[in-house]
Amino acid sequence: MTIDQLNPGEVGIIEKVGGKGELRDRLLDMGLTPGTVVFLRKTAPMGDPIQLSLRGYELTIRKADAARIAVGPLADQSLNPFNSFKPCSGNCAACFEDEPAVREES
């Protein structure tokens, strides 16, 4: 399975990064290395690009690039750092309902 085959809200662990030359180097430089846990946050309305969460940041990549990265299931769900995450519903207000309001001081 590759990252582009994940559904929003699914988690996988990177097994292999394909591609050659500069493309592969760029993917590795962005933190997409074997053993990294990735969470598919959302896809664009037409399906491309996709947004991933990994290593404490959000990354948006093209589906064609994601198809070069093989992922497997995360065997031990207790190691899943994204248990509290939920896929994007597109309703931004819903995501902030549970967060405390931040008051700006002048």
Protein backbone atom coordinates (compact mmCIF):
# COMPACT_ATOMS: atom_id res chain seq x y z
CA MET A 1 0.00 0.00 0.00
CA THR A 2 1.18 3.56 -0.62
CA ILE A 3 0.33 6.84 1.13
CA ASP A 4 -2.00 7.92 -1.67
CA GLN A 5 -4.16 4.84 -0.96
CA LEU A 6 -4.82 5.82 2.68
CA ASN A 7 -8.20 7.32 3.55
CA PRO A 8 -8.49 10.51 5.62
CA GLY A 9 -8.02 9.62 9.28
CA GLU A 10 -5.87 6.55 8.60
CA VAL A 11 -2.36 6.03 9.93
CA GLY A 12 0.53 4.15 8.36
CA ILE A 13 4.21 3.62 8.98
CA ILE A 14 6.60 4.32 6.12
CA GLU A 15 8.31 1.16 4.89
CA LYS A 16 10.07 2.37 1.74
CA VAL A 17 10.60 5.59 -0.17
CA GLY A 18 10.76 5.05 -3.93
CA GLY A 19 11.77 7.34 -6.72
CA LYS A 20 15.21 8.31 -7.93
CA GLY A 21 17.60 11.18 -7.64
CA GLU A 22 16.42 14.60 -6.56
CA LEU A 23 12.77 13.59 -6.02
CA ARG A 24 13.72 10.83 -3.58
CA ASP A 25 16.18 13.13 -1.81
CA ARG A 26 13.50 15.81 -1.48
CA LEU A 27 11.00 13.34 0.02
CA LEU A 28 13.60 12.13 2.53
CA ASP A 29 14.56 15.73 3.40
CA MET A 30 10.91 16.47 4.20
CA GLY A 31 10.99 13.76 6.88
CA LEU A 32 9.36 10.97 4.87
CA THR A 33 11.82 8.31 6.03
CA PRO A 34 11.32 4.60 6.76
CA GLY A 35 9.92 4.03 10.25
CA THR A 36 8.05 7.36 10.38
CA VAL A 37 4.38 7.29 11.37
CA VAL A 38 2.17 9.32 8.99
CA PHE A 39 -1.46 10.39 9.38
CA LEU A 40 -3.55 11.40 6.37
CA ARG A 41 -5.36 14.55 7.54
CA LYS A 42 -7.30 15.42 4.40
CA THR A 43 -7.38 15.48 0.64
CA ALA A 44 -8.21 18.40 -1.62
CA PRO A 45 -11.72 18.44 -3.11
CA MET A 46 -10.49 16.96 -6.40
CA GLY A 47 -8.27 14.45 -4.55
CA ASP A 48 -4.92 16.11 -5.17
CA PRO A 49 -2.87 17.25 -3.20
CA ILE A 50 -3.10 15.47 0.16
CA GLN A 51 -2.22 16.75 3.64
CA LEU A 52 -0.20 14.58 6.01
CA SER A 53 0.77 14.94 9.65
CA LEU A 54 4.15 13.56 10.61
CA ARG A 55 6.98 14.39 13.00
CA GLY A 56 4.98 17.23 14.58
CA TYR A 57 4.17 19.16 11.41
CA GLU A 58 1.75 19.22 8.49
CA LEU A 59 2.96 18.41 4.99
CA THR A 60 1.05 18.79 1.73
CA ILE A 61 2.30 16.71 -1.18
CA ARG A 62 1.08 15.72 -4.61
CA LYS A 63 -0.66 12.38 -4.96
CA ALA A 64 1.88 11.29 -7.58
CA ASP A 65 4.69 11.80 -5.04
CA ALA A 66 2.70 10.03 -2.31
CA ALA A 67 2.31 7.03 -4.62
CA ARG A 68 6.08 6.48 -4.40
CA ILE A 69 6.02 5.97 -0.62
CA ALA A 70 5.10 2.50 0.65
CA VAL A 71 3.37 2.30 4.03
CA GLY A 72 2.26 -0.53 6.23
CA PRO A 73 -0.17 -0.79 9.13
CA LEU A 74 0.89 0.42 12.55
CA ALA A 75 1.01 -2.86 14.51
CA ASP A 76 0.94 -1.34 17.99
CA GLN A 77 -1.74 1.38 18.20
CA SER A 78 -0.34 2.54 21.55
CA LEU A 79 2.57 3.96 19.51
CA ASN A 80 0.17 6.04 17.39
CA PRO A 81 0.90 9.71 18.16
CA PHE A 82 -2.23 10.73 16.26
CA ASN A 83 -4.88 9.00 18.41
CA SER A 84 -6.41 12.36 19.35
CA PHE A 85 -6.46 13.65 15.77
CA LYS A 86 -9.55 13.47 13.63
CA PRO A 87 -9.89 13.84 9.87
CA CYS A 88 -10.78 17.27 8.57
CA SER A 89 -14.53 17.77 8.10
CA GLY A 90 -14.08 21.11 6.35
CA ASN A 91 -15.90 22.92 9.18
CA CYS A 92 -13.12 24.89 10.85
CA ALA A 93 -15.40 26.23 13.59
CA ALA A 94 -16.06 22.68 14.82
CA CYS A 95 -12.34 22.09 15.40
CA PHE A 96 -12.02 25.13 17.65
CA GLU A 97 -15.16 24.63 19.79
CA ASP A 98 -13.28 22.59 22.40
CA GLU A 99 -10.22 24.83 22.53
CA PRO A 100 -10.08 27.67 25.06
CA ALA A 101 -10.38 31.15 23.64
CA VAL A 102 -7.14 33.10 23.37
CA ARG A 103 -7.43 36.70 24.39
CA GLU A 104 -5.10 39.18 22.77
CA GLU A 105 -3.49 41.68 25.11
CA SER A 106 -2.51 45.09 23.78
